[in-house]
Amino acid sequence: MVKGCQKKTIHIKDTGSRYYEEAYFVLKPGVSDTKISSRDMISEAVRIAGESLDSTAPGGAERSRGLLQFLAGLALGGAFTAAVLLIILL
């Protein structure tokens, strides 16, 4: 059991996402003692959450691009294999 451990957090209840209901950010030790305003910390948390949604959303552009590259490589590999087999058999 841990005694005397305290972490400062930022809790965002309404993320505006269709995937995430809430988000929690744990502040580094000593950050709350600096001159950074609460508003700046919250806007940074919202920015990070927004970037995360843009890059990892299921079915996003990056996933479909990866699938397209995989299928193109598969087709190219199949065509190369068929050409080599055709040359060998003739």
PDB file of N, CA and C in Angstrom:
ATOM      1  N   MET A   1       0.840  -1.177   0.000  1.00  0.00           N
ATOM      2  CA  MET A   1       0.000   0.000   0.000  1.00  0.00           C
ATOM      3  C   MET A   1       0.889   1.244   0.000  1.00  0.00           C
ATOM      4  N   VAL A   2       0.517   2.221  -0.822  1.00  0.00           N
ATOM      5  CA  VAL A   2       1.266   3.463  -0.937  1.00  0.00           C
ATOM      6  C   VAL A   2       0.590   4.518  -0.078  1.00  0.00           C
ATOM      7  N   LYS A   3       1.384   5.199   0.724  1.00  0.00           N
ATOM      8  CA  LYS A   3       0.839   6.273   1.558  1.00  0.00           C
ATOM      9  C   LYS A   3       1.516   7.579   1.198  1.00  0.00           C
ATOM     10  N   GLY A   4       0.748   8.640   1.164  1.00  0.00           N
ATOM     11  CA  GLY A   4       1.300   9.963   0.924  1.00  0.00           C
ATOM     12  C   GLY A   4       1.632  10.264  -0.522  1.00  0.00           C
ATOM     13  N   CYS A   5       1.093   9.512  -1.449  1.00  0.00           N
ATOM     14  CA  CYS A   5       1.350   9.754  -2.865  1.00  0.00           C
ATOM     15  C   CYS A   5       0.226  10.619  -3.431  1.00  0.00           C
ATOM     16  N   GLN A   6       0.592  11.709  -4.051  1.00  0.00           N
ATOM     17  CA  GLN A   6      -0.419  12.602  -4.612  1.00  0.00           C
ATOM     18  C   GLN A   6      -0.006  13.009  -6.012  1.00  0.00           C
ATOM     19  N   LYS A   7      -0.902  12.843  -6.948  1.00  0.00           N
ATOM     20  CA  LYS A   7      -0.652  13.231  -8.333  1.00  0.00           C
ATOM     21  C   LYS A   7      -1.656  14.297  -8.726  1.00  0.00           C
ATOM     22  N   LYS A   8      -1.198  15.294  -9.443  1.00  0.00           N
ATOM     23  CA  LYS A   8      -2.080  16.332  -9.972  1.00  0.00           C
ATOM     24  C   LYS A   8      -2.560  15.877 -11.344  1.00  0.00           C
ATOM     25  N   THR A   9      -3.858  15.994 -11.588  1.00  0.00           N
ATOM     26  CA  THR A   9      -4.414  15.544 -12.857  1.00  0.00           C
ATOM     27  C   THR A   9      -5.320  16.607 -13.472  1.00  0.00           C
ATOM     28  N   ILE A  10      -5.502  16.480 -14.778  1.00  0.00           N
ATOM     29  CA  ILE A  10      -6.501  17.261 -15.502  1.00  0.00           C
ATOM     30  C   ILE A  10      -7.496  16.261 -16.053  1.00  0.00           C
ATOM     31  N   HIS A  11      -8.755  16.479 -15.776  1.00  0.00           N
ATOM     32  CA  HIS A  11      -9.822  15.566 -16.195  1.00  0.00           C
ATOM     33  C   HIS A  11     -10.723  16.310 -17.178  1.00  0.00           C
ATOM     34  N   ILE A  12     -10.800  15.799 -18.409  1.00  0.00           N
ATOM     35  CA  ILE A  12     -11.668  16.394 -19.426  1.00  0.00           C
ATOM     36  C   ILE A  12     -12.871  15.485 -19.565  1.00  0.00           C
ATOM     37  N   LYS A  13     -14.061  15.995 -19.187  1.00  0.00           N
ATOM     38  CA  LYS A  13     -15.265  15.169 -19.204  1.00  0.00           C
ATOM     39  C   LYS A  13     -15.889  15.062 -20.586  1.00  0.00           C
ATOM     40  N   ASP A  14     -16.002  16.152 -21.292  1.00  0.00           N
ATOM     41  CA  ASP A  14     -16.619  16.128 -22.619  1.00  0.00           C
ATOM     42  C   ASP A  14     -15.533  16.385 -23.647  1.00  0.00           C
ATOM     43  N   THR A  15     -15.022  15.313 -24.253  1.00  0.00           N
ATOM     44  CA  THR A  15     -13.919  15.454 -25.198  1.00  0.00           C
ATOM     45  C   THR A  15     -14.393  15.873 -26.576  1.00  0.00           C
ATOM     46  N   GLY A  16     -15.676  15.718 -26.869  1.00  0.00           N
ATOM     47  CA  GLY A  16     -16.188  16.039 -28.187  1.00  0.00           C
ATOM     48  C   GLY A  16     -15.887  14.943 -29.198  1.00  0.00           C
ATOM     49  N   SER A  17     -15.426  13.803 -28.723  1.00  0.00           N
ATOM     50  CA  SER A  17     -15.068  12.691 -29.597  1.00  0.00           C
ATOM     51  C   SER A  17     -16.196  11.663 -29.630  1.00  0.00           C
ATOM     52  N   ARG A  18     -16.292  10.986 -30.759  1.00  0.00           N
ATOM     53  CA  ARG A  18     -17.270   9.906 -30.809  1.00  0.00           C
ATOM     54  C   ARG A  18     -16.670   8.613 -30.265  1.00  0.00           C
ATOM     55  N   TYR A  19     -15.361   8.610 -29.956  1.00  0.00           N
ATOM     56  CA  TYR A  19     -14.683   7.433 -29.437  1.00  0.00           C
ATOM     57  C   TYR A  19     -14.418   7.507 -27.938  1.00  0.00           C
ATOM     58  N   TYR A  20     -14.070   8.694 -27.445  1.00  0.00           N
ATOM     59  CA  TYR A  20     -13.678   8.845 -26.044  1.00  0.00           C
ATOM     60  C   TYR A  20     -14.679   9.701 -25.290  1.00  0.00           C
ATOM     61  N   GLU A  21     -15.085   9.212 -24.153  1.00  0.00           N
ATOM     62  CA  GLU A  21     -16.019   9.958 -23.315  1.00  0.00           C
ATOM     63  C   GLU A  21     -15.278  10.924 -22.396  1.00  0.00           C
ATOM     64  N   GLU A  22     -14.167  10.452 -21.803  1.00  0.00           N
ATOM     65  CA  GLU A  22     -13.400  11.262 -20.870  1.00  0.00           C
ATOM     66  C   GLU A  22     -11.910  11.065 -21.125  1.00  0.00           C
ATOM     67  N   ALA A  23     -11.111  12.032 -20.673  1.00  0.00           N
ATOM     68  CA  ALA A  23      -9.653  11.925 -20.781  1.00  0.00           C
ATOM     69  C   ALA A  23      -9.024  12.411 -19.477  1.00  0.00           C
ATOM     70  N   TYR A  24      -7.981  11.722 -19.045  1.00  0.00           N
ATOM     71  CA  TYR A  24      -7.244  12.089 -17.840  1.00  0.00           C
ATOM     72  C   TYR A  24      -5.789  12.354 -18.219  1.00  0.00           C
ATOM     73  N   PHE A  25      -5.236  13.450 -17.732  1.00  0.00           N
ATOM     74  CA  PHE A  25      -3.835  13.775 -17.930  1.00  0.00           C
ATOM     75  C   PHE A  25      -3.191  13.909 -16.558  1.00  0.00           C
ATOM     76  N   VAL A  26      -2.073  13.206 -16.352  1.00  0.00           N
ATOM     77  CA  VAL A  26      -1.348  13.263 -15.085  1.00  0.00           C
ATOM     78  C   VAL A  26      -0.169  14.209 -15.275  1.00  0.00           C
ATOM     79  N   LEU A  27      -0.128  15.249 -14.452  1.00  0.00           N
ATOM     80  CA  LEU A  27       0.931  16.257 -14.570  1.00  0.00           C
ATOM     81  C   LEU A  27       2.245  15.745 -13.989  1.00  0.00           C
ATOM     82  N   LYS A  28       3.339  16.187 -14.575  1.00  0.00           N
ATOM     83  CA  LYS A  28       4.655  15.839 -14.061  1.00  0.00           C
ATOM     84  C   LYS A  28       4.847  16.523 -12.709  1.00  0.00           C
ATOM     85  N   PRO A  29       5.683  15.922 -11.845  1.00  0.00           N
ATOM     86  CA  PRO A  29       5.943  16.547 -10.547  1.00  0.00           C
ATOM     87  C   PRO A  29       6.561  17.935 -10.718  1.00  0.00           C
ATOM     88  N   GLY A  30       6.078  18.884  -9.979  1.00  0.00           N
ATOM     89  CA  GLY A  30       6.615  20.240 -10.015  1.00  0.00           C
ATOM     90  C   GLY A  30       5.962  21.154 -11.024  1.00  0.00           C
ATOM     91  N   VAL A  31       5.137  20.624 -11.932  1.00  0.00           N
ATOM     92  CA  VAL A  31       4.500  21.469 -12.944  1.00  0.00           C
ATOM     93  C   VAL A  31       3.499  22.420 -12.305  1.00  0.00           C
ATOM     94  N   SER A  32       2.779  21.938 -11.308  1.00  0.00           N
ATOM     95  CA  SER A  32       1.770  22.793 -10.686  1.00  0.00           C
ATOM     96  C   SER A  32       2.397  23.937  -9.893  1.00  0.00           C
ATOM     97  N   ASP A  33       3.701  23.845  -9.594  1.00  0.00           N
ATOM     98  CA  ASP A  33       4.382  24.906  -8.847  1.00  0.00           C
ATOM     99  C   ASP A  33       4.903  26.014  -9.765  1.00  0.00           C
ATOM    100  N   THR A  34       4.853  25.818 -11.073  1.00  0.00           N
ATOM    101  CA  THR A  34       5.377  26.806 -12.016  1.00  0.00           C
ATOM    102  C   THR A  34       4.360  27.920 -12.246  1.00  0.00           C
ATOM    103  N   LYS A  35       4.735  28.868 -13.062  1.00  0.00           N
ATOM    104  CA  LYS A  35       3.889  30.029 -13.352  1.00  0.00           C
ATOM    105  C   LYS A  35       2.906  29.776 -14.494  1.00  0.00           C
ATOM    106  N   ILE A  36       2.769  28.527 -14.949  1.00  0.00           N
ATOM    107  CA  ILE A  36       1.853  28.204 -16.039  1.00  0.00           C
ATOM    108  C   ILE A  36       0.416  28.269 -15.520  1.00  0.00           C
ATOM    109  N   SER A  37      -0.444  28.932 -16.276  1.00  0.00           N
ATOM    110  CA  SER A  37      -1.830  29.071 -15.833  1.00  0.00           C
ATOM    111  C   SER A  37      -2.614  27.785 -16.069  1.00  0.00           C
ATOM    112  N   SER A  38      -3.681  27.626 -15.336  1.00  0.00           N
ATOM    113  CA  SER A  38      -4.557  26.457 -15.492  1.00  0.00           C
ATOM    114  C   SER A  38      -5.150  26.421 -16.886  1.00  0.00           C
ATOM    115  N   ARG A  39      -5.470  27.580 -17.407  1.00  0.00           N
ATOM    116  CA  ARG A  39      -6.045  27.663 -18.760  1.00  0.00           C
ATOM    117  C   ARG A  39      -5.067  27.126 -19.800  1.00  0.00           C
ATOM    118  N   ASP A  40      -3.772  27.460 -19.658  1.00  0.00           N
ATOM    119  CA  ASP A  40      -2.758  26.967 -20.593  1.00  0.00           C
ATOM    120  C   ASP A  40      -2.609  25.448 -20.498  1.00  0.00           C
ATOM    121  N   MET A  41      -2.648  24.919 -19.270  1.00  0.00           N
ATOM    122  CA  MET A  41      -2.531  23.470 -19.094  1.00  0.00           C
ATOM    123  C   MET A  41      -3.722  22.750 -19.708  1.00  0.00           C
ATOM    124  N   ILE A  42      -4.912  23.278 -19.536  1.00  0.00           N
ATOM    125  CA  ILE A  42      -6.110  22.656 -20.089  1.00  0.00           C
ATOM    126  C   ILE A  42      -6.096  22.728 -21.612  1.00  0.00           C
ATOM    127  N   SER A  43      -5.696  23.870 -22.177  1.00  0.00           N
ATOM    128  CA  SER A  43      -5.654  23.972 -23.634  1.00  0.00           C
ATOM    129  C   SER A  43      -4.607  23.025 -24.220  1.00  0.00           C
ATOM    130  N   GLU A  44      -3.507  22.807 -23.515  1.00  0.00           N
ATOM    131  CA  GLU A  44      -2.497  21.842 -23.967  1.00  0.00           C
ATOM    132  C   GLU A  44      -3.057  20.417 -23.925  1.00  0.00           C
ATOM    133  N   ALA A  45      -3.805  20.086 -22.883  1.00  0.00           N
ATOM    134  CA  ALA A  45      -4.420  18.757 -22.784  1.00  0.00           C
ATOM    135  C   ALA A  45      -5.424  18.539 -23.913  1.00  0.00           C
ATOM    136  N   VAL A  46      -6.215  19.536 -24.212  1.00  0.00           N
ATOM    137  CA  VAL A  46      -7.196  19.431 -25.302  1.00  0.00           C
ATOM    138  C   VAL A  46      -6.480  19.282 -26.645  1.00  0.00           C
ATOM    139  N   ARG A  47      -5.377  20.012 -26.834  1.00  0.00           N
ATOM    140  CA  ARG A  47      -4.605  19.903 -28.078  1.00  0.00           C
ATOM    141  C   ARG A  47      -4.047  18.496 -28.249  1.00  0.00           C
ATOM    142  N   ILE A  48      -3.478  17.934 -27.188  1.00  0.00           N
ATOM    143  CA  ILE A  48      -2.907  16.590 -27.258  1.00  0.00           C
ATOM    144  C   ILE A  48      -3.990  15.559 -27.547  1.00  0.00           C
ATOM    145  N   ALA A  49      -5.128  15.688 -26.901  1.00  0.00           N
ATOM    146  CA  ALA A  49      -6.230  14.755 -27.146  1.00  0.00           C
ATOM    147  C   ALA A  49      -6.712  14.861 -28.583  1.00  0.00           C
ATOM    148  N   GLY A  50      -6.782  16.065 -29.135  1.00  0.00           N
ATOM    149  CA  GLY A  50      -7.197  16.257 -30.519  1.00  0.00           C
ATOM    150  C   GLY A  50      -6.218  15.643 -31.502  1.00  0.00           C
ATOM    151  N   GLU A  51      -4.913  15.800 -31.252  1.00  0.00           N
ATOM    152  CA  GLU A  51      -3.907  15.197 -32.121  1.00  0.00           C
ATOM    153  C   GLU A  51      -3.995  13.683 -32.084  1.00  0.00           C
ATOM    154  N   SER A  52      -4.256  13.140 -30.916  1.00  0.00           N
ATOM    155  CA  SER A  52      -4.375  11.692 -30.779  1.00  0.00           C
ATOM    156  C   SER A  52      -5.546  11.163 -31.586  1.00  0.00           C
ATOM    157  N   LEU A  53      -6.642  11.870 -31.581  1.00  0.00           N
ATOM    158  CA  LEU A  53      -7.811  11.435 -32.339  1.00  0.00           C
ATOM    159  C   LEU A  53      -7.559  11.503 -33.832  1.00  0.00           C
ATOM    160  N   ASP A  54      -6.850  12.533 -34.293  1.00  0.00           N
ATOM    161  CA  ASP A  54      -6.590  12.682 -35.721  1.00  0.00           C
ATOM    162  C   ASP A  54      -5.695  11.572 -36.257  1.00  0.00           C
ATOM    163  N   SER A  55      -4.727  11.124 -35.475  1.00  0.00           N
ATOM    164  CA  SER A  55      -3.752  10.181 -36.006  1.00  0.00           C
ATOM    165  C   SER A  55      -4.102   8.724 -35.768  1.00  0.00           C
ATOM    166  N   THR A  56      -4.958   8.412 -34.810  1.00  0.00           N
ATOM    167  CA  THR A  56      -5.197   7.009 -34.505  1.00  0.00           C
ATOM    168  C   THR A  56      -6.655   6.612 -34.599  1.00  0.00           C
ATOM    169  N   ALA A  57      -7.468   7.416 -35.199  1.00  0.00           N
ATOM    170  CA  ALA A  57      -8.890   7.075 -35.286  1.00  0.00           C
ATOM    171  C   ALA A  57      -9.080   5.834 -36.147  1.00  0.00           C
ATOM    172  N   PRO A  58      -9.838   4.843 -35.644  1.00  0.00           N
ATOM    173  CA  PRO A  58     -10.067   3.639 -36.432  1.00  0.00           C
ATOM    174  C   PRO A  58     -10.741   3.981 -37.751  1.00  0.00           C
ATOM    175  N   GLY A  59     -10.251   3.388 -38.846  1.00  0.00           N
ATOM    176  CA  GLY A  59     -10.824   3.648 -40.157  1.00  0.00           C
ATOM    177  C   GLY A  59     -10.360   4.960 -40.754  1.00  0.00           C
ATOM    178  N   GLY A  60      -9.338   5.588 -40.150  1.00  0.00           N
ATOM    179  CA  GLY A  60      -8.859   6.871 -40.638  1.00  0.00           C
ATOM    180  C   GLY A  60      -8.069   6.740 -41.917  1.00  0.00           C
ATOM    181  N   ALA A  61      -7.613   7.856 -42.423  1.00  0.00           N
ATOM    182  CA  ALA A  61      -6.892   7.904 -43.695  1.00  0.00           C
ATOM    183  C   ALA A  61      -5.591   7.115 -43.631  1.00  0.00           C
ATOM    184  N   GLU A  62      -4.897   7.162 -42.496  1.00  0.00           N
ATOM    185  CA  GLU A  62      -3.626   6.464 -42.389  1.00  0.00           C
ATOM    186  C   GLU A  62      -3.821   4.953 -42.456  1.00  0.00           C
ATOM    187  N   ARG A  63      -4.863   4.450 -41.859  1.00  0.00           N
ATOM    188  CA  ARG A  63      -5.130   3.016 -41.891  1.00  0.00           C
ATOM    189  C   ARG A  63      -5.475   2.565 -43.308  1.00  0.00           C
ATOM    190  N   SER A  64      -6.306   3.324 -44.009  1.00  0.00           N
ATOM    191  CA  SER A  64      -6.693   2.936 -45.355  1.00  0.00           C
ATOM    192  C   SER A  64      -5.503   3.044 -46.306  1.00  0.00           C
ATOM    193  N   ARG A  65      -4.596   4.001 -46.076  1.00  0.00           N
ATOM    194  CA  ARG A  65      -3.402   4.124 -46.899  1.00  0.00           C
ATOM    195  C   ARG A  65      -2.501   2.913 -46.692  1.00  0.00           C
ATOM    196  N   GLY A  66      -2.366   2.456 -45.456  1.00  0.00           N
ATOM    197  CA  GLY A  66      -1.559   1.272 -45.169  1.00  0.00           C
ATOM    198  C   GLY A  66      -2.149   0.026 -45.815  1.00  0.00           C
ATOM    199  N   LEU A  67      -3.457  -0.094 -45.793  1.00  0.00           N
ATOM    200  CA  LEU A  67      -4.116  -1.234 -46.424  1.00  0.00           C
ATOM    201  C   LEU A  67      -3.912  -1.198 -47.937  1.00  0.00           C
ATOM    202  N   LEU A  68      -4.003  -0.018 -48.523  1.00  0.00           N
ATOM    203  CA  LEU A  68      -3.797   0.120 -49.962  1.00  0.00           C
ATOM    204  C   LEU A  68      -2.361  -0.249 -50.343  1.00  0.00           C
ATOM    205  N   GLN A  69      -1.391   0.169 -49.554  1.00  0.00           N
ATOM    206  CA  GLN A  69       0.001  -0.177 -49.811  1.00  0.00           C
ATOM    207  C   GLN A  69       0.220  -1.679 -49.685  1.00  0.00           C
ATOM    208  N   PHE A  70      -0.396  -2.301 -48.696  1.00  0.00           N
ATOM    209  CA  PHE A  70      -0.284  -3.746 -48.521  1.00  0.00           C
ATOM    210  C   PHE A  70      -0.850  -4.484 -49.722  1.00  0.00           C
ATOM    211  N   LEU A  71      -2.032  -4.088 -50.177  1.00  0.00           N
ATOM    212  CA  LEU A  71      -2.661  -4.756 -51.312  1.00  0.00           C
ATOM    213  C   LEU A  71      -1.862  -4.551 -52.598  1.00  0.00           C
ATOM    214  N   ALA A  72      -1.289  -3.364 -52.787  1.00  0.00           N
ATOM    215  CA  ALA A  72      -0.462  -3.111 -53.967  1.00  0.00           C
ATOM    216  C   ALA A  72       0.788  -3.987 -53.935  1.00  0.00           C
ATOM    217  N   GLY A  73       1.395  -4.118 -52.775  1.00  0.00           N
ATOM    218  CA  GLY A  73       2.566  -4.987 -52.644  1.00  0.00           C
ATOM    219  C   GLY A  73       2.219  -6.440 -52.888  1.00  0.00           C
ATOM    220  N   LEU A  74       1.070  -6.860 -52.403  1.00  0.00           N
ATOM    221  CA  LEU A  74       0.606  -8.225 -52.617  1.00  0.00           C
ATOM    222  C   LEU A  74       0.386  -8.489 -54.104  1.00  0.00           C
ATOM    223  N   ALA A  75      -0.251  -7.570 -54.797  1.00  0.00           N
ATOM    224  CA  ALA A  75      -0.501  -7.725 -56.230  1.00  0.00           C
ATOM    225  C   ALA A  75       0.803  -7.725 -57.018  1.00  0.00           C
ATOM    226  N   LEU A  76       1.729  -6.836 -56.669  1.00  0.00           N
ATOM    227  CA  LEU A  76       3.020  -6.775 -57.351  1.00  0.00           C
ATOM    228  C   LEU A  76       3.820  -8.058 -57.125  1.00  0.00           C
ATOM    229  N   GLY A  77       3.810  -8.555 -55.912  1.00  0.00           N
ATOM    230  CA  GLY A  77       4.508  -9.809 -55.609  1.00  0.00           C
ATOM    231  C   GLY A  77       3.909 -10.982 -56.365  1.00  0.00           C
ATOM    232  N   GLY A  78       2.584 -11.033 -56.448  1.00  0.00           N
ATOM    233  CA  GLY A  78       1.915 -12.095 -57.201  1.00  0.00           C
ATOM    234  C   GLY A  78       2.239 -12.030 -58.680  1.00  0.00           C
ATOM    235  N   ALA A  79       2.262 -10.822 -59.238  1.00  0.00           N
ATOM    236  CA  ALA A  79       2.579 -10.664 -60.654  1.00  0.00           C
ATOM    237  C   ALA A  79       4.021 -11.071 -60.932  1.00  0.00           C
ATOM    238  N   PHE A  80       4.940 -10.709 -60.057  1.00  0.00           N
ATOM    239  CA  PHE A  80       6.338 -11.088 -60.225  1.00  0.00           C
ATOM    240  C   PHE A  80       6.506 -12.605 -60.156  1.00  0.00           C
ATOM    241  N   THR A  81       5.854 -13.238 -59.188  1.00  0.00           N
ATOM    242  CA  THR A  81       5.919 -14.690 -59.051  1.00  0.00           C
ATOM    243  C   THR A  81       5.346 -15.383 -60.280  1.00  0.00           C
ATOM    244  N   ALA A  82       4.226 -14.906 -60.791  1.00  0.00           N
ATOM    245  CA  ALA A  82       3.618 -15.486 -61.987  1.00  0.00           C
ATOM    246  C   ALA A  82       4.549 -15.332 -63.184  1.00  0.00           C
ATOM    247  N   ALA A  83       5.208 -14.206 -63.339  1.00  0.00           N
ATOM    248  CA  ALA A  83       6.133 -13.991 -64.445  1.00  0.00           C
ATOM    249  C   ALA A  83       7.324 -14.933 -64.366  1.00  0.00           C
ATOM    250  N   VAL A  84       7.885 -15.108 -63.172  1.00  0.00           N
ATOM    251  CA  VAL A  84       9.016 -16.017 -62.990  1.00  0.00           C
ATOM    252  C   VAL A  84       8.605 -17.449 -63.303  1.00  0.00           C
ATOM    253  N   LEU A  85       7.453 -17.887 -62.829  1.00  0.00           N
ATOM    254  CA  LEU A  85       6.970 -19.242 -63.119  1.00  0.00           C
ATOM    255  C   LEU A  85       6.712 -19.437 -64.592  1.00  0.00           C
ATOM    256  N   LEU A  86       6.190 -18.442 -65.262  1.00  0.00           N
ATOM    257  CA  LEU A  86       5.919 -18.521 -66.700  1.00  0.00           C
ATOM    258  C   LEU A  86       7.224 -18.673 -67.490  1.00  0.00           C
ATOM    259  N   ILE A  87       8.264 -17.935 -67.088  1.00  0.00           N
ATOM    260  CA  ILE A  87       9.561 -18.022 -67.754  1.00  0.00           C
ATOM    261  C   ILE A  87      10.182 -19.396 -67.525  1.00  0.00           C
ATOM    262  N   ILE A  88      10.084 -19.910 -66.318  1.00  0.00           N
ATOM    263  CA  ILE A  88      10.661 -21.221 -65.982  1.00  0.00           C
ATOM    264  C   ILE A  88       9.965 -22.335 -66.757  1.00  0.00           C
ATOM    265  N   LEU A  89       8.653 -22.273 -66.871  1.00  0.00           N
ATOM    266  CA  LEU A  89       7.879 -23.326 -67.537  1.00  0.00           C
ATOM    267  C   LEU A  89       8.036 -23.296 -69.047  1.00  0.00           C
ATOM    268  N   LEU A  90       8.410 -22.175 -69.626  1.00  0.00           N
ATOM    269  CA  LEU A  90       8.561 -22.095 -71.094  1.00  0.00           C
ATOM    270  C   LEU A  90       9.926 -22.511 -71.421  1.00  0.00           C
TER     271      LEU A  90
END
